[in-house]
Amino acid sequence: MDVALRLGRRALGTTAENPPVGCVIVKDDRLLAVGWTQAGGRPHAETEALAMAGEAARGATAFVTLEPCAHYGRTPPCAEALVAAGIARCVVAVEDPDPRVAGRGLAILRAAGITVELADGATEARRDLAGFLTRIVRKRPYVILKLALSADGKIASEPGQRTPITGEAVRARVHLTRAQSDAILVGMETVVVDDPELTCRLPGLEARSPKAFVMSRNRELPAGSRLAARGAKLLRGTPAEAVAELGVAGINRLMVEGGAAIARAFLQAGLVDEIHLYRSPTELGPQGVEGLPEGALQTFMLQREERLGADTLTVYEKPNSFVTPAEAGAHDSHGFRLSPE
């Protein structure tokens, strides 16, 4: 399951409205095949792995990070594909709360005589699948707020002044997060001051730039701005209305990059699930613009820290940031709703 989880992470930010799933097929203690959700959401991870395994899949075990789908869409159900391939055992990390699935995938497997088990990787799987699970259950994307702060907590040297704060290692790390996000959002003040592109410019990952959105109540995108040229879309409502609109549009993971007013608005609305705080050792002084409202981190838990050259990244998570099995409607002893035998 650890391998399946790592495979699923390859698909973060690339699967449109579908979940980024990983699948591993094993037989006689030998890894036969791997698969992950492909760009645009199809083919699914199970389909990819089964194609690689071929006839050797008969009698094998499939490890899947999310319950195999049970509904007909643009492709047949993955649960039926596993049955047709002769899989003998299926180990699943998380049940799919999508009403079109919600235990039906497991029921198809069991009805065909396949042994279904729940893996120990559910916590990590929920973290990796947080975007999809949040959109399905909470009807909005999973929101990651990114801020770069000076040592004295400033986001800029003075109002309206573009201020580079962190170094190249941070820039590369931010671009990786962009590549793993479905959409990125800034306020109009950031557009006017910084004229950002909001693309991923890591070598080889340029095609994984997230969709760009700008929040503004009454201003239009400057005609000559880079985001106007890129086709960024305006969001006119409140943060709650914006994330609801993005959820309907199939956005799973939303990266909010600034500026300070937008960060404050999303925090005050209780819509931030994860904070990526990049800190520089350099101070900007008392005239600088404060980056975070006082006490903003009190409701978040430290998740991890990374050293990036002279700078640091600290990741904070909201205690209830990940959709729990109970919230998704689950109620068995493992924390998942299981289909009848």
C-alpha atoms as a PDB file:
ATOM      1  CA  MET A   1       0.000   0.000   0.000  1.00  0.00           C
ATOM      2  CA  ASP A   2       2.929   2.346   0.621  1.00  0.00           C
ATOM      3  CA  VAL A   3       3.922   1.900  -3.042  1.00  0.00           C
ATOM      4  CA  ALA A   4       0.331   2.497  -4.159  1.00  0.00           C
ATOM      5  CA  LEU A   5       0.222   5.707  -2.125  1.00  0.00           C
ATOM      6  CA  ARG A   6       3.434   6.976  -3.707  1.00  0.00           C
ATOM      7  CA  LEU A   7       2.044   6.207  -7.153  1.00  0.00           C
ATOM      8  CA  GLY A   8      -1.167   8.092  -6.418  1.00  0.00           C
ATOM      9  CA  ARG A   9       0.844  11.176  -5.420  1.00  0.00           C
ATOM     10  CA  ARG A  10       2.243  11.321  -8.940  1.00  0.00           C
ATOM     11  CA  ALA A  11      -1.243  12.262 -10.123  1.00  0.00           C
ATOM     12  CA  LEU A  12      -1.881  15.124  -7.673  1.00  0.00           C
ATOM     13  CA  GLY A  13      -3.225  18.144  -9.505  1.00  0.00           C
ATOM     14  CA  THR A  14      -3.620  16.356 -12.855  1.00  0.00           C
ATOM     15  CA  THR A  15      -6.810  14.306 -12.561  1.00  0.00           C
ATOM     16  CA  ALA A  16      -9.484  17.000 -13.094  1.00  0.00           C
ATOM     17  CA  GLU A  17     -12.567  16.095 -11.036  1.00  0.00           C
ATOM     18  CA  ASN A  18     -11.380  12.523 -10.496  1.00  0.00           C
ATOM     19  CA  PRO A  19      -9.318  11.319  -7.515  1.00  0.00           C
ATOM     20  CA  PRO A  20      -5.537  10.720  -7.760  1.00  0.00           C
ATOM     21  CA  VAL A  21      -5.433   6.981  -7.093  1.00  0.00           C
ATOM     22  CA  GLY A  22      -2.553   4.504  -7.008  1.00  0.00           C
ATOM     23  CA  CYS A  23      -2.804   0.751  -7.649  1.00  0.00           C
ATOM     24  CA  VAL A  24      -0.307  -2.103  -7.238  1.00  0.00           C
ATOM     25  CA  ILE A  25      -0.870  -5.731  -8.297  1.00  0.00           C
ATOM     26  CA  VAL A  26       1.094  -8.425  -6.460  1.00  0.00           C
ATOM     27  CA  LYS A  27       1.259 -12.197  -6.872  1.00  0.00           C
ATOM     28  CA  ASP A  28       3.393 -14.781  -5.059  1.00  0.00           C
ATOM     29  CA  ASP A  29       5.256 -11.996  -3.240  1.00  0.00           C
ATOM     30  CA  ARG A  30       6.219 -10.437  -6.567  1.00  0.00           C
ATOM     31  CA  LEU A  31       5.138  -7.033  -7.821  1.00  0.00           C
ATOM     32  CA  LEU A  32       3.449  -7.566 -11.177  1.00  0.00           C
ATOM     33  CA  ALA A  33       2.161  -4.163 -12.166  1.00  0.00           C
ATOM     34  CA  VAL A  34       1.591  -0.579 -11.087  1.00  0.00           C
ATOM     35  CA  GLY A  35      -0.796   2.146 -12.146  1.00  0.00           C
ATOM     36  CA  TRP A  36      -1.982   5.614 -11.223  1.00  0.00           C
ATOM     37  CA  THR A  37      -4.760   7.888 -12.454  1.00  0.00           C
ATOM     38  CA  GLN A  38      -3.675   9.442 -15.722  1.00  0.00           C
ATOM     39  CA  ALA A  39      -3.840  13.094 -16.779  1.00  0.00           C
ATOM     40  CA  GLY A  40      -7.405  14.338 -17.085  1.00  0.00           C
ATOM     41  CA  GLY A  41      -8.621  11.567 -14.778  1.00  0.00           C
ATOM     42  CA  ARG A  42      -8.556   8.647 -17.233  1.00  0.00           C
ATOM     43  CA  PRO A  43      -7.554   5.863 -17.528  1.00  0.00           C
ATOM     44  CA  HIS A  44      -8.004   5.013 -13.870  1.00  0.00           C
ATOM     45  CA  ALA A  45      -5.235   3.492 -11.758  1.00  0.00           C
ATOM     46  CA  GLU A  46      -6.742  -0.014 -11.745  1.00  0.00           C
ATOM     47  CA  THR A  47      -7.140  -0.029 -15.520  1.00  0.00           C
ATOM     48  CA  GLU A  48      -3.502   0.984 -15.970  1.00  0.00           C
ATOM     49  CA  ALA A  49      -2.231  -1.692 -13.586  1.00  0.00           C
ATOM     50  CA  LEU A  50      -4.407  -4.443 -15.078  1.00  0.00           C
ATOM     51  CA  ALA A  51      -3.198  -3.602 -18.575  1.00  0.00           C
ATOM     52  CA  MET A  52       0.384  -3.973 -17.385  1.00  0.00           C
ATOM     53  CA  ALA A  53      -0.308  -7.249 -15.547  1.00  0.00           C
ATOM     54  CA  GLY A  54      -2.238  -8.925 -18.363  1.00  0.00           C
ATOM     55  CA  GLU A  55      -3.186 -12.565 -17.758  1.00  0.00           C
ATOM     56  CA  ALA A  56      -0.850 -12.711 -14.747  1.00  0.00           C
ATOM     57  CA  ALA A  57      -3.463 -10.703 -12.801  1.00  0.00           C
ATOM     58  CA  ARG A  58      -5.577 -13.859 -12.393  1.00  0.00           C
ATOM     59  CA  GLY A  59      -5.324 -14.965  -8.762  1.00  0.00           C
ATOM     60  CA  ALA A  60      -3.331 -11.871  -7.757  1.00  0.00           C
ATOM     61  CA  THR A  61      -3.876  -9.212  -5.078  1.00  0.00           C
ATOM     62  CA  ALA A  62      -4.648  -5.591  -5.952  1.00  0.00           C
ATOM     63  CA  PHE A  63      -3.737  -2.809  -3.527  1.00  0.00           C
ATOM     64  CA  VAL A  64      -5.774   0.345  -4.256  1.00  0.00           C
ATOM     65  CA  THR A  65      -5.725   3.645  -2.379  1.00  0.00           C
ATOM     66  CA  LEU A  66      -9.438   4.316  -3.001  1.00  0.00           C
ATOM     67  CA  GLU A  67     -12.404   2.000  -3.412  1.00  0.00           C
ATOM     68  CA  PRO A  68     -12.698   0.921  -7.073  1.00  0.00           C
ATOM     69  CA  CYS A  69     -15.467   2.815  -8.851  1.00  0.00           C
ATOM     70  CA  ALA A  70     -18.796   1.099  -9.421  1.00  0.00           C
ATOM     71  CA  HIS A  71     -20.522   3.380 -11.927  1.00  0.00           C
ATOM     72  CA  TYR A  72     -20.464   3.712 -15.684  1.00  0.00           C
ATOM     73  CA  GLY A  73     -19.077   7.035 -16.855  1.00  0.00           C
ATOM     74  CA  ARG A  74     -16.755   7.535 -19.777  1.00  0.00           C
ATOM     75  CA  THR A  75     -15.224   4.186 -18.820  1.00  0.00           C
ATOM     76  CA  PRO A  76     -16.678   0.958 -17.319  1.00  0.00           C
ATOM     77  CA  PRO A  77     -16.436   0.440 -13.538  1.00  0.00           C
ATOM     78  CA  CYS A  78     -12.996  -0.484 -12.214  1.00  0.00           C
ATOM     79  CA  ALA A  79     -14.609  -2.938  -9.793  1.00  0.00           C
ATOM     80  CA  GLU A  80     -15.938  -4.934 -12.765  1.00  0.00           C
ATOM     81  CA  ALA A  81     -12.540  -4.739 -14.483  1.00  0.00           C
ATOM     82  CA  LEU A  82     -10.899  -6.287 -11.410  1.00  0.00           C
ATOM     83  CA  VAL A  83     -13.501  -9.064 -11.408  1.00  0.00           C
ATOM     84  CA  ALA A  84     -13.029  -9.742 -15.127  1.00  0.00           C
ATOM     85  CA  ALA A  85      -9.250  -9.891 -14.684  1.00  0.00           C
ATOM     86  CA  GLY A  86      -9.583 -12.639 -12.070  1.00  0.00           C
ATOM     87  CA  ILE A  87      -8.202 -10.696  -9.101  1.00  0.00           C
ATOM     88  CA  ALA A  88      -8.501 -12.899  -6.010  1.00  0.00           C
ATOM     89  CA  ARG A  89      -7.990 -10.291  -3.278  1.00  0.00           C
ATOM     90  CA  CYS A  90      -8.350  -6.518  -3.111  1.00  0.00           C
ATOM     91  CA  VAL A  91      -6.873  -4.365  -0.353  1.00  0.00           C
ATOM     92  CA  VAL A  92      -8.414  -0.876  -0.156  1.00  0.00           C
ATOM     93  CA  ALA A  93      -7.248   2.108   1.908  1.00  0.00           C
ATOM     94  CA  VAL A  94     -10.317   4.379   1.809  1.00  0.00           C
ATOM     95  CA  GLU A  95     -13.940   3.933   0.837  1.00  0.00           C
ATOM     96  CA  ASP A  96     -15.180   6.336  -1.839  1.00  0.00           C
ATOM     97  CA  PRO A  97     -17.888   8.672  -0.430  1.00  0.00           C
ATOM     98  CA  ASP A  98     -19.082   9.565  -3.940  1.00  0.00           C
ATOM     99  CA  PRO A  99     -22.792   8.584  -3.898  1.00  0.00           C
ATOM    100  CA  ARG A 100     -22.276   6.741  -7.186  1.00  0.00           C
ATOM    101  CA  VAL A 101     -19.840   4.407  -5.403  1.00  0.00           C
ATOM    102  CA  ALA A 102     -20.119   4.519  -1.571  1.00  0.00           C
ATOM    103  CA  GLY A 103     -19.581   0.815  -0.916  1.00  0.00           C
ATOM    104  CA  ARG A 104     -20.944  -0.461  -4.230  1.00  0.00           C
ATOM    105  CA  GLY A 105     -17.453  -1.097  -5.558  1.00  0.00           C
ATOM    106  CA  LEU A 106     -16.673  -3.314  -2.585  1.00  0.00           C
ATOM    107  CA  ALA A 107     -20.026  -5.054  -2.993  1.00  0.00           C
ATOM    108  CA  ILE A 108     -19.247  -5.916  -6.637  1.00  0.00           C
ATOM    109  CA  LEU A 109     -15.926  -7.420  -5.592  1.00  0.00           C
ATOM    110  CA  ARG A 110     -17.420  -9.463  -2.766  1.00  0.00           C
ATOM    111  CA  ALA A 111     -20.289 -10.690  -4.923  1.00  0.00           C
ATOM    112  CA  ALA A 112     -17.699 -12.098  -7.329  1.00  0.00           C
ATOM    113  CA  GLY A 113     -15.956 -13.971  -4.509  1.00  0.00           C
ATOM    114  CA  ILE A 114     -13.025 -11.581  -4.201  1.00  0.00           C
ATOM    115  CA  THR A 115     -11.619 -11.168  -0.695  1.00  0.00           C
ATOM    116  CA  VAL A 116     -11.830  -7.501   0.340  1.00  0.00           C
ATOM    117  CA  GLU A 117      -9.629  -6.106   3.095  1.00  0.00           C
ATOM    118  CA  LEU A 118      -8.959  -2.662   4.537  1.00  0.00           C
ATOM    119  CA  ALA A 119      -5.367  -1.474   4.666  1.00  0.00           C
ATOM    120  CA  ASP A 120      -3.502   0.331   7.421  1.00  0.00           C
ATOM    121  CA  GLY A 121      -2.704   3.239   5.106  1.00  0.00           C
ATOM    122  CA  ALA A 122      -6.043   5.011   5.520  1.00  0.00           C
ATOM    123  CA  THR A 123      -4.625   8.100   7.253  1.00  0.00           C
ATOM    124  CA  GLU A 124      -2.041   8.757   4.544  1.00  0.00           C
ATOM    125  CA  ALA A 125      -4.562   7.940   1.837  1.00  0.00           C
ATOM    126  CA  ARG A 126      -7.022  10.481   3.239  1.00  0.00           C
ATOM    127  CA  ARG A 127      -4.228  13.072   3.225  1.00  0.00           C
ATOM    128  CA  ASP A 128      -3.368  12.333  -0.418  1.00  0.00           C
ATOM    129  CA  LEU A 129      -7.027  12.197  -1.461  1.00  0.00           C
ATOM    130  CA  ALA A 130      -8.033  15.224   0.634  1.00  0.00           C
ATOM    131  CA  GLY A 131      -8.906  17.323  -2.408  1.00  0.00           C
ATOM    132  CA  PHE A 132     -11.321  14.808  -3.889  1.00  0.00           C
ATOM    133  CA  LEU A 133     -12.821  13.810  -0.533  1.00  0.00           C
ATOM    134  CA  THR A 134     -13.333  17.442   0.491  1.00  0.00           C
ATOM    135  CA  ARG A 135     -15.043  18.303  -2.786  1.00  0.00           C
ATOM    136  CA  ILE A 136     -17.361  15.286  -2.624  1.00  0.00           C
ATOM    137  CA  VAL A 137     -18.294  15.609   1.056  1.00  0.00           C
ATOM    138  CA  ARG A 138     -17.918  19.342   1.795  1.00  0.00           C
ATOM    139  CA  LYS A 139     -18.734  20.596  -1.711  1.00  0.00           C
ATOM    140  CA  ARG A 140     -15.579  22.690  -2.015  1.00  0.00           C
ATOM    141  CA  PRO A 141     -11.880  22.204  -2.783  1.00  0.00           C
ATOM    142  CA  TYR A 142      -9.241  21.436  -0.186  1.00  0.00           C
ATOM    143  CA  VAL A 143      -7.568  24.823   0.403  1.00  0.00           C
ATOM    144  CA  ILE A 144      -3.812  25.282   0.821  1.00  0.00           C
ATOM    145  CA  LEU A 145      -2.746  28.799   1.837  1.00  0.00           C
ATOM    146  CA  LYS A 146       0.827  29.715   0.874  1.00  0.00           C
ATOM    147  CA  LEU A 147       2.583  32.683   2.469  1.00  0.00           C
ATOM    148  CA  ALA A 148       6.201  33.859   2.399  1.00  0.00           C
ATOM    149  CA  LEU A 149       7.140  35.837   5.503  1.00  0.00           C
ATOM    150  CA  SER A 150      10.211  37.704   6.674  1.00  0.00           C
ATOM    151  CA  ALA A 151      11.744  36.874  10.049  1.00  0.00           C
ATOM    152  CA  ASP A 152       9.574  39.605  11.587  1.00  0.00           C
ATOM    153  CA  GLY A 153       6.375  38.316   9.970  1.00  0.00           C
ATOM    154  CA  LYS A 154       6.098  40.745   7.039  1.00  0.00           C
ATOM    155  CA  ILE A 155       4.795  39.871   3.567  1.00  0.00           C
ATOM    156  CA  ALA A 156       6.164  43.030   1.878  1.00  0.00           C
ATOM    157  CA  SER A 157       8.542  45.879   2.744  1.00  0.00           C
ATOM    158  CA  GLU A 158       5.705  48.417   2.398  1.00  0.00           C
ATOM    159  CA  PRO A 159       2.171  48.521   0.978  1.00  0.00           C
ATOM    160  CA  GLY A 160       2.057  48.168  -2.811  1.00  0.00           C
ATOM    161  CA  GLN A 161       5.731  47.208  -3.035  1.00  0.00           C
ATOM    162  CA  ARG A 162       6.782  43.959  -4.699  1.00  0.00           C
ATOM    163  CA  THR A 163       9.237  42.351  -2.275  1.00  0.00           C
ATOM    164  CA  PRO A 164      11.204  39.146  -2.946  1.00  0.00           C
ATOM    165  CA  ILE A 165      11.476  37.466   0.449  1.00  0.00           C
ATOM    166  CA  THR A 166      12.723  33.902  -0.025  1.00  0.00           C
ATOM    167  CA  GLY A 167      15.335  32.250  -2.235  1.00  0.00           C
ATOM    168  CA  GLU A 168      15.492  29.907  -5.220  1.00  0.00           C
ATOM    169  CA  ALA A 169      14.970  26.715  -3.211  1.00  0.00           C
ATOM    170  CA  VAL A 170      11.642  28.065  -1.945  1.00  0.00           C
ATOM    171  CA  ARG A 171      10.642  29.103  -5.457  1.00  0.00           C
ATOM    172  CA  ALA A 172      11.174  25.543  -6.703  1.00  0.00           C
ATOM    173  CA  ARG A 173       9.209  24.111  -3.759  1.00  0.00           C
ATOM    174  CA  VAL A 174       6.306  26.498  -4.405  1.00  0.00           C
ATOM    175  CA  HIS A 175       6.249  25.511  -8.055  1.00  0.00           C
ATOM    176  CA  LEU A 176       6.030  21.846  -7.037  1.00  0.00           C
ATOM    177  CA  THR A 177       2.955  22.648  -4.926  1.00  0.00           C
ATOM    178  CA  ARG A 178       1.495  24.467  -7.931  1.00  0.00           C
ATOM    179  CA  ALA A 179       2.057  21.341 -10.033  1.00  0.00           C
ATOM    180  CA  GLN A 180       0.149  19.324  -7.420  1.00  0.00           C
ATOM    181  CA  SER A 181      -2.802  21.750  -7.327  1.00  0.00           C
ATOM    182  CA  ASP A 182      -5.801  21.915  -9.648  1.00  0.00           C
ATOM    183  CA  ALA A 183      -6.197  25.666  -9.299  1.00  0.00           C
ATOM    184  CA  ILE A 184      -4.429  28.709  -7.884  1.00  0.00           C
ATOM    185  CA  LEU A 185      -6.045  31.902  -6.595  1.00  0.00           C
ATOM    186  CA  VAL A 186      -4.842  35.431  -5.804  1.00  0.00           C
ATOM    187  CA  GLY A 187      -6.432  38.785  -5.110  1.00  0.00           C
ATOM    188  CA  MET A 188      -6.496  41.699  -7.537  1.00  0.00           C
ATOM    189  CA  GLU A 189      -3.923  43.636  -5.499  1.00  0.00           C
ATOM    190  CA  THR A 190      -1.406  40.858  -6.129  1.00  0.00           C
ATOM    191  CA  VAL A 191      -2.128  41.056  -9.853  1.00  0.00           C
ATOM    192  CA  VAL A 192      -1.579  44.816  -9.897  1.00  0.00           C
ATOM    193  CA  VAL A 193       1.569  44.818  -7.755  1.00  0.00           C
ATOM    194  CA  ASP A 194       3.299  41.581  -8.828  1.00  0.00           C
ATOM    195  CA  ASP A 195       1.814  40.808 -12.277  1.00  0.00           C
ATOM    196  CA  PRO A 196       2.358  37.070 -11.610  1.00  0.00           C
ATOM    197  CA  GLU A 197       2.063  34.184 -14.070  1.00  0.00           C
ATOM    198  CA  LEU A 198       1.105  31.591 -11.419  1.00  0.00           C
ATOM    199  CA  THR A 199       2.488  28.806 -13.611  1.00  0.00           C
ATOM    200  CA  CYS A 200       4.679  25.842 -12.799  1.00  0.00           C
ATOM    201  CA  ARG A 201       8.108  26.444 -14.280  1.00  0.00           C
ATOM    202  CA  LEU A 202       9.913  23.345 -13.034  1.00  0.00           C
ATOM    203  CA  PRO A 203      11.714  21.623 -15.929  1.00  0.00           C
ATOM    204  CA  GLY A 204       9.489  18.880 -17.309  1.00  0.00           C
ATOM    205  CA  LEU A 205       6.424  19.939 -15.309  1.00  0.00           C
ATOM    206  CA  GLU A 206       5.442  23.055 -17.225  1.00  0.00           C
ATOM    207  CA  ALA A 207       2.283  21.369 -18.523  1.00  0.00           C
ATOM    208  CA  ARG A 208       1.082  20.920 -14.940  1.00  0.00           C
ATOM    209  CA  SER A 209       0.387  24.601 -14.292  1.00  0.00           C
ATOM    210  CA  PRO A 210      -2.855  24.977 -12.316  1.00  0.00           C
ATOM    211  CA  LYS A 211      -5.900  26.878 -13.544  1.00  0.00           C
ATOM    212  CA  ALA A 212      -5.669  30.518 -12.457  1.00  0.00           C
ATOM    213  CA  PHE A 213      -8.375  32.508 -10.648  1.00  0.00           C
ATOM    214  CA  VAL A 214      -8.481  36.058  -9.318  1.00  0.00           C
ATOM    215  CA  MET A 215     -10.833  37.319  -6.598  1.00  0.00           C
ATOM    216  CA  SER A 216     -12.203  40.825  -7.027  1.00  0.00           C
ATOM    217  CA  ARG A 217     -15.556  42.339  -6.160  1.00  0.00           C
ATOM    218  CA  ASN A 218     -15.579  45.100  -8.774  1.00  0.00           C
ATOM    219  CA  ARG A 219     -12.262  45.333 -10.632  1.00  0.00           C
ATOM    220  CA  GLU A 220     -11.355  43.818 -13.979  1.00  0.00           C
ATOM    221  CA  LEU A 221      -8.111  42.090 -14.851  1.00  0.00           C
ATOM    222  CA  PRO A 222      -5.622  44.597 -16.337  1.00  0.00           C
ATOM    223  CA  ALA A 223      -5.671  43.957 -20.080  1.00  0.00           C
ATOM    224  CA  GLY A 224      -1.902  43.722 -20.350  1.00  0.00           C
ATOM    225  CA  SER A 225      -1.371  41.504 -17.314  1.00  0.00           C
ATOM    226  CA  ARG A 226       0.162  38.065 -17.578  1.00  0.00           C
ATOM    227  CA  LEU A 227      -2.903  36.467 -15.993  1.00  0.00           C
ATOM    228  CA  ALA A 228      -5.208  38.148 -18.523  1.00  0.00           C
ATOM    229  CA  ALA A 229      -3.059  36.684 -21.290  1.00  0.00           C
ATOM    230  CA  ARG A 230      -3.220  33.325 -19.587  1.00  0.00           C
ATOM    231  CA  GLY A 231      -7.015  33.395 -19.474  1.00  0.00           C
ATOM    232  CA  ALA A 232      -7.434  33.609 -15.708  1.00  0.00           C
ATOM    233  CA  LYS A 233     -11.030  33.762 -14.518  1.00  0.00           C
ATOM    234  CA  LEU A 234     -12.527  36.272 -12.093  1.00  0.00           C
ATOM    235  CA  LEU A 235     -14.397  35.232  -8.952  1.00  0.00           C
ATOM    236  CA  ARG A 236     -16.719  37.970  -7.705  1.00  0.00           C
ATOM    237  CA  GLY A 237     -18.170  36.560  -4.502  1.00  0.00           C
ATOM    238  CA  THR A 238     -17.030  35.930  -0.946  1.00  0.00           C
ATOM    239  CA  PRO A 239     -14.447  33.241  -0.166  1.00  0.00           C
ATOM    240  CA  ALA A 240     -17.287  30.836   0.686  1.00  0.00           C
ATOM    241  CA  GLU A 241     -19.023  31.578  -2.614  1.00  0.00           C
ATOM    242  CA  ALA A 242     -15.726  31.273  -4.489  1.00  0.00           C
ATOM    243  CA  VAL A 243     -14.855  27.822  -3.148  1.00  0.00           C
ATOM    244  CA  ALA A 244     -18.407  26.620  -3.711  1.00  0.00           C
ATOM    245  CA  GLU A 245     -18.155  27.743  -7.340  1.00  0.00           C
ATOM    246  CA  LEU A 246     -14.802  26.006  -7.731  1.00  0.00           C
ATOM    247  CA  GLY A 247     -16.200  22.833  -6.185  1.00  0.00           C
ATOM    248  CA  VAL A 248     -18.985  22.754  -8.756  1.00  0.00           C
ATOM    249  CA  ALA A 249     -16.315  23.231 -11.435  1.00  0.00           C
ATOM    250  CA  GLY A 250     -14.557  20.064 -10.281  1.00  0.00           C
ATOM    251  CA  ILE A 251     -11.569  21.691  -8.561  1.00  0.00           C
ATOM    252  CA  ASN A 252     -10.140  19.346  -5.913  1.00  0.00           C
ATOM    253  CA  ARG A 253      -7.057  21.169  -4.632  1.00  0.00           C
ATOM    254  CA  LEU A 254      -6.930  24.970  -4.470  1.00  0.00           C
ATOM    255  CA  MET A 255      -3.713  26.860  -3.715  1.00  0.00           C
ATOM    256  CA  VAL A 256      -4.271  30.380  -2.377  1.00  0.00           C
ATOM    257  CA  GLU A 257      -1.118  32.464  -2.952  1.00  0.00           C
ATOM    258  CA  GLY A 258      -2.034  35.913  -1.735  1.00  0.00           C
ATOM    259  CA  GLY A 259      -1.930  38.594  -0.866  1.00  0.00           C
ATOM    260  CA  ALA A 260      -2.421  39.456   2.777  1.00  0.00           C
ATOM    261  CA  ALA A 261      -6.067  40.539   2.420  1.00  0.00           C
ATOM    262  CA  ILE A 262      -7.053  37.341   0.613  1.00  0.00           C
ATOM    263  CA  ALA A 263      -5.186  35.218   3.162  1.00  0.00           C
ATOM    264  CA  ARG A 264      -6.982  37.000   5.994  1.00  0.00           C
ATOM    265  CA  ALA A 265     -10.377  36.603   4.306  1.00  0.00           C
ATOM    266  CA  PHE A 266      -9.956  32.858   3.807  1.00  0.00           C
ATOM    267  CA  LEU A 267      -8.663  32.370   7.358  1.00  0.00           C
ATOM    268  CA  GLN A 268     -11.500  34.365   8.881  1.00  0.00           C
ATOM    269  CA  ALA A 269     -14.012  32.366   6.840  1.00  0.00           C
ATOM    270  CA  GLY A 270     -12.558  29.130   8.228  1.00  0.00           C
ATOM    271  CA  LEU A 271     -11.826  27.852   4.721  1.00  0.00           C
ATOM    272  CA  VAL A 272      -8.091  27.149   5.024  1.00  0.00           C
ATOM    273  CA  ASP A 273      -7.260  23.470   5.511  1.00  0.00           C
ATOM    274  CA  GLU A 274      -3.475  23.691   5.286  1.00  0.00           C
ATOM    275  CA  ILE A 275      -0.944  26.525   5.600  1.00  0.00           C
ATOM    276  CA  HIS A 276       2.444  26.466   3.875  1.00  0.00           C
ATOM    277  CA  LEU A 277       4.477  29.113   5.683  1.00  0.00           C
ATOM    278  CA  TYR A 278       7.828  29.969   4.088  1.00  0.00           C
ATOM    279  CA  ARG A 279      10.083  31.951   6.432  1.00  0.00           C
ATOM    280  CA  SER A 280      13.147  33.978   5.556  1.00  0.00           C
ATOM    281  CA  PRO A 281      15.870  34.865   8.104  1.00  0.00           C
ATOM    282  CA  THR A 282      15.763  38.483   6.855  1.00  0.00           C
ATOM    283  CA  GLU A 283      13.752  41.171   8.654  1.00  0.00           C
ATOM    284  CA  LEU A 284      11.843  43.859   6.739  1.00  0.00           C
ATOM    285  CA  GLY A 285      11.231  46.303   9.587  1.00  0.00           C
ATOM    286  CA  PRO A 286       8.231  47.950  11.261  1.00  0.00           C
ATOM    287  CA  GLN A 287       7.015  49.625   8.056  1.00  0.00           C
ATOM    288  CA  GLY A 288       6.428  46.208   6.457  1.00  0.00           C
ATOM    289  CA  VAL A 289       3.024  44.686   5.727  1.00  0.00           C
ATOM    290  CA  GLU A 290       1.887  42.072   8.253  1.00  0.00           C
ATOM    291  CA  GLY A 291       1.349  38.690   6.639  1.00  0.00           C
ATOM    292  CA  LEU A 292      -0.800  36.792   9.133  1.00  0.00           C
ATOM    293  CA  PRO A 293      -3.524  38.021  11.481  1.00  0.00           C
ATOM    294  CA  GLU A 294      -2.562  37.725  15.141  1.00  0.00           C
ATOM    295  CA  GLY A 295      -3.353  34.253  16.482  1.00  0.00           C
ATOM    296  CA  ALA A 296      -4.035  32.831  13.004  1.00  0.00           C
ATOM    297  CA  LEU A 297      -1.988  29.688  13.679  1.00  0.00           C
ATOM    298  CA  GLN A 298      -3.597  28.890  17.034  1.00  0.00           C
ATOM    299  CA  THR A 299      -6.246  26.679  15.456  1.00  0.00           C
ATOM    300  CA  PHE A 300      -3.711  24.783  13.313  1.00  0.00           C
ATOM    301  CA  MET A 301      -1.364  21.922  14.158  1.00  0.00           C
ATOM    302  CA  LEU A 302       2.267  21.644  13.096  1.00  0.00           C
ATOM    303  CA  GLN A 303       2.541  18.878  10.500  1.00  0.00           C
ATOM    304  CA  ARG A 304       6.139  19.080   9.246  1.00  0.00           C
ATOM    305  CA  GLU A 305       9.112  21.343   8.617  1.00  0.00           C
ATOM    306  CA  GLU A 306      11.592  21.504   5.741  1.00  0.00           C
ATOM    307  CA  ARG A 307      14.867  23.384   5.332  1.00  0.00           C
ATOM    308  CA  LEU A 308      15.129  25.103   1.945  1.00  0.00           C
ATOM    309  CA  GLY A 309      18.512  26.781   1.677  1.00  0.00           C
ATOM    310  CA  ALA A 310      18.546  29.668   4.138  1.00  0.00           C
ATOM    311  CA  ASP A 311      14.738  29.548   4.391  1.00  0.00           C
ATOM    312  CA  THR A 312      12.301  27.156   6.029  1.00  0.00           C
ATOM    313  CA  LEU A 313       8.905  25.717   5.166  1.00  0.00           C
ATOM    314  CA  THR A 314       6.514  24.941   7.993  1.00  0.00           C
ATOM    315  CA  VAL A 315       3.281  23.123   7.140  1.00  0.00           C
ATOM    316  CA  TYR A 316       0.284  23.476   9.426  1.00  0.00           C
ATOM    317  CA  GLU A 317      -2.951  21.493   9.245  1.00  0.00           C
ATOM    318  CA  LYS A 318      -6.352  22.272  10.646  1.00  0.00           C
ATOM    319  CA  PRO A 319      -7.381  19.543  13.125  1.00  0.00           C
ATOM    320  CA  ASN A 320     -10.480  18.720  11.045  1.00  0.00           C
ATOM    321  CA  SER A 321      -8.876  19.382   7.660  1.00  0.00           C
ATOM    322  CA  PHE A 322      -9.258  15.831   6.380  1.00  0.00           C
ATOM    323  CA  VAL A 323     -12.646  14.291   5.744  1.00  0.00           C
ATOM    324  CA  THR A 324     -13.156  11.586   8.359  1.00  0.00           C
ATOM    325  CA  PRO A 325     -14.965   8.307   7.744  1.00  0.00           C
ATOM    326  CA  ALA A 326     -17.711   9.482  10.118  1.00  0.00           C
ATOM    327  CA  GLU A 327     -18.178  12.705   8.140  1.00  0.00           C
ATOM    328  CA  ALA A 328     -18.364  10.665   4.947  1.00  0.00           C
ATOM    329  CA  GLY A 329     -21.142   8.540   6.443  1.00  0.00           C
ATOM    330  CA  ALA A 330     -19.055   5.607   7.666  1.00  0.00           C
ATOM    331  CA  HIS A 331     -19.792   3.609  10.776  1.00  0.00           C
ATOM    332  CA  ASP A 332     -17.975   0.265  11.005  1.00  0.00           C
ATOM    333  CA  SER A 333     -15.245  -0.653  13.524  1.00  0.00           C
ATOM    334  CA  HIS A 334     -12.475   0.309  11.099  1.00  0.00           C
ATOM    335  CA  GLY A 335     -14.067   3.695  10.484  1.00  0.00           C
ATOM    336  CA  PHE A 336     -15.449   2.721   7.072  1.00  0.00           C
ATOM    337  CA  ARG A 337     -18.919   1.816   5.896  1.00  0.00           C
ATOM    338  CA  LEU A 338     -18.628  -1.672   4.487  1.00  0.00           C
ATOM    339  CA  SER A 339     -20.993  -3.301   2.048  1.00  0.00           C
ATOM    340  CA  PRO A 340     -22.896  -6.394   3.201  1.00  0.00           C
ATOM    341  CA  GLU A 341     -21.110  -9.693   2.632  1.00  0.00           C
END
